[in-house]
Amino acid sequence: MKWYWGDEFSPDGSRLWDKETLEKMDKDRFRQSLGGLIEAYEAVARRLGVQLD
């Protein structure tokens, strides 16, 4: 499967879950007070190959 994105992509405008754990990795972490928002967004970035400093 290939993915192609245009314009911009962020967890704020998407629904993302970990495939194995079904853990939410999107804006619902904030809306549902699940905690770990920054860590989840960083994990999404790493999975997309973004280098974080």
N, C-alpha and C. Protein backbone atom coordinates (compact mmCIF):
# COMPACT_ATOMS: atom_id res chain seq x y z
N MET A 1 0.85 -1.17 0.00
CA MET A 1 0.00 0.00 0.00
C MET A 1 0.89 1.24 0.00
N LYS A 2 0.55 2.21 -0.81
CA LYS A 2 1.29 3.47 -0.85
C LYS A 2 0.36 4.59 -0.43
N TRP A 3 0.94 5.57 0.23
CA TRP A 3 0.19 6.76 0.65
C TRP A 3 0.79 7.98 -0.04
N TYR A 4 -0.06 8.87 -0.47
CA TYR A 4 0.38 10.13 -1.04
C TYR A 4 -0.40 11.25 -0.36
N TRP A 5 0.32 12.24 0.13
CA TRP A 5 -0.33 13.37 0.78
C TRP A 5 0.01 14.65 0.02
N GLY A 6 -0.93 15.54 0.01
CA GLY A 6 -0.69 16.85 -0.56
C GLY A 6 -1.00 17.90 0.49
N ASP A 7 -0.51 19.09 0.28
CA ASP A 7 -0.75 20.20 1.19
C ASP A 7 -0.10 19.93 2.53
N GLU A 8 -0.85 19.50 3.51
CA GLU A 8 -0.26 19.23 4.83
C GLU A 8 -0.96 18.04 5.48
N PHE A 9 -0.27 17.44 6.40
CA PHE A 9 -0.81 16.31 7.15
C PHE A 9 -0.48 16.53 8.62
N SER A 10 -1.45 16.31 9.49
CA SER A 10 -1.18 16.36 10.93
C SER A 10 -2.20 15.48 11.64
N PRO A 11 -1.85 15.01 12.84
CA PRO A 11 -2.80 14.24 13.63
C PRO A 11 -4.05 15.03 14.01
N ASP A 12 -3.97 16.37 13.93
CA ASP A 12 -5.14 17.20 14.25
C ASP A 12 -6.26 17.04 13.24
N GLY A 13 -5.91 16.72 12.01
CA GLY A 13 -6.92 16.61 10.96
C GLY A 13 -7.11 15.19 10.47
N SER A 14 -6.71 14.22 11.28
CA SER A 14 -6.76 12.81 10.87
C SER A 14 -7.24 11.95 12.02
N ARG A 15 -7.63 10.76 11.70
CA ARG A 15 -7.95 9.75 12.71
C ARG A 15 -6.87 8.69 12.63
N LEU A 16 -6.10 8.56 13.69
CA LEU A 16 -4.97 7.64 13.68
C LEU A 16 -5.00 6.72 14.90
N TRP A 17 -4.82 5.44 14.65
CA TRP A 17 -4.71 4.45 15.72
C TRP A 17 -3.51 3.57 15.42
N ASP A 18 -2.84 3.12 16.47
CA ASP A 18 -1.77 2.14 16.30
C ASP A 18 -2.41 0.84 15.81
N LYS A 19 -1.85 0.26 14.78
CA LYS A 19 -2.44 -0.93 14.16
C LYS A 19 -2.50 -2.12 15.11
N GLU A 20 -1.48 -2.27 15.95
CA GLU A 20 -1.42 -3.44 16.84
C GLU A 20 -2.14 -3.23 18.16
N THR A 21 -2.00 -2.03 18.74
CA THR A 21 -2.57 -1.79 20.07
C THR A 21 -3.91 -1.06 20.04
N LEU A 22 -4.24 -0.49 18.87
CA LEU A 22 -5.44 0.34 18.69
C LEU A 22 -5.42 1.59 19.57
N GLU A 23 -4.24 1.96 20.05
CA GLU A 23 -4.08 3.19 20.83
C GLU A 23 -4.33 4.39 19.92
N LYS A 24 -5.10 5.35 20.40
CA LYS A 24 -5.38 6.56 19.63
C LYS A 24 -4.13 7.42 19.57
N MET A 25 -3.85 7.94 18.39
CA MET A 25 -2.65 8.76 18.19
C MET A 25 -3.01 10.07 17.50
N ASP A 26 -4.21 10.57 17.76
CA ASP A 26 -4.68 11.78 17.11
C ASP A 26 -5.24 12.76 18.13
N LYS A 27 -6.03 13.72 17.65
CA LYS A 27 -6.56 14.78 18.52
C LYS A 27 -7.47 14.26 19.63
N ASP A 28 -7.96 13.04 19.51
CA ASP A 28 -8.78 12.47 20.58
C ASP A 28 -8.00 12.30 21.88
N ARG A 29 -6.69 12.23 21.80
CA ARG A 29 -5.88 12.14 23.02
C ARG A 29 -6.14 13.37 23.88
N PHE A 30 -6.27 14.54 23.23
CA PHE A 30 -6.56 15.78 23.94
C PHE A 30 -8.03 15.85 24.32
N ARG A 31 -8.90 15.61 23.36
CA ARG A 31 -10.35 15.74 23.59
C ARG A 31 -10.86 14.82 24.69
N GLN A 32 -10.28 13.63 24.80
CA GLN A 32 -10.74 12.65 25.78
C GLN A 32 -9.82 12.60 27.01
N SER A 33 -8.93 13.58 27.14
CA SER A 33 -8.00 13.67 28.29
C SER A 33 -7.26 12.36 28.51
N LEU A 34 -6.74 11.78 27.42
CA LEU A 34 -6.00 10.52 27.52
C LEU A 34 -4.54 10.74 27.91
N GLY A 35 -4.06 11.97 27.79
CA GLY A 35 -2.67 12.26 28.10
C GLY A 35 -1.75 11.78 26.98
N GLY A 36 -0.48 12.14 27.09
CA GLY A 36 0.52 11.68 26.13
C GLY A 36 0.35 12.25 24.73
N LEU A 37 -0.23 13.43 24.61
CA LEU A 37 -0.48 14.02 23.30
C LEU A 37 0.82 14.26 22.54
N ILE A 38 1.77 14.91 23.18
CA ILE A 38 3.04 15.22 22.51
C ILE A 38 3.76 13.94 22.12
N GLU A 39 3.79 12.97 23.01
CA GLU A 39 4.46 11.70 22.72
C GLU A 39 3.80 10.98 21.53
N ALA A 40 2.48 11.01 21.47
CA ALA A 40 1.77 10.37 20.36
C ALA A 40 2.06 11.09 19.05
N TYR A 41 2.06 12.41 19.05
CA TYR A 41 2.36 13.17 17.83
C TYR A 41 3.80 12.93 17.39
N GLU A 42 4.72 12.84 18.35
CA GLU A 42 6.12 12.55 18.01
C GLU A 42 6.24 11.15 17.41
N ALA A 43 5.50 10.19 17.94
CA ALA A 43 5.52 8.82 17.41
C ALA A 43 5.00 8.81 15.97
N VAL A 44 3.96 9.58 15.69
CA VAL A 44 3.44 9.67 14.32
C VAL A 44 4.53 10.25 13.41
N ALA A 45 5.18 11.30 13.85
CA ALA A 45 6.24 11.92 13.04
C ALA A 45 7.35 10.92 12.75
N ARG A 46 7.80 10.20 13.77
CA ARG A 46 8.87 9.21 13.57
C ARG A 46 8.45 8.13 12.57
N ARG A 47 7.21 7.68 12.66
CA ARG A 47 6.72 6.65 11.73
C ARG A 47 6.68 7.16 10.30
N LEU A 48 6.56 8.47 10.14
CA LEU A 48 6.56 9.07 8.80
C LEU A 48 7.97 9.42 8.34
N GLY A 49 8.97 9.13 9.19
CA GLY A 49 10.36 9.38 8.82
C GLY A 49 10.85 10.78 9.11
N VAL A 50 10.13 11.52 9.95
CA VAL A 50 10.53 12.88 10.31
C VAL A 50 11.58 12.82 11.40
N GLN A 51 12.69 13.52 11.20
CA GLN A 51 13.74 13.61 12.21
C GLN A 51 13.35 14.67 13.23
N LEU A 52 13.29 14.29 14.49
CA LEU A 52 12.96 15.23 15.56
C LEU A 52 14.21 15.51 16.38
N ASP A 53 14.44 16.78 16.65
CA ASP A 53 15.61 17.16 17.46
C ASP A 53 15.20 17.53 18.85
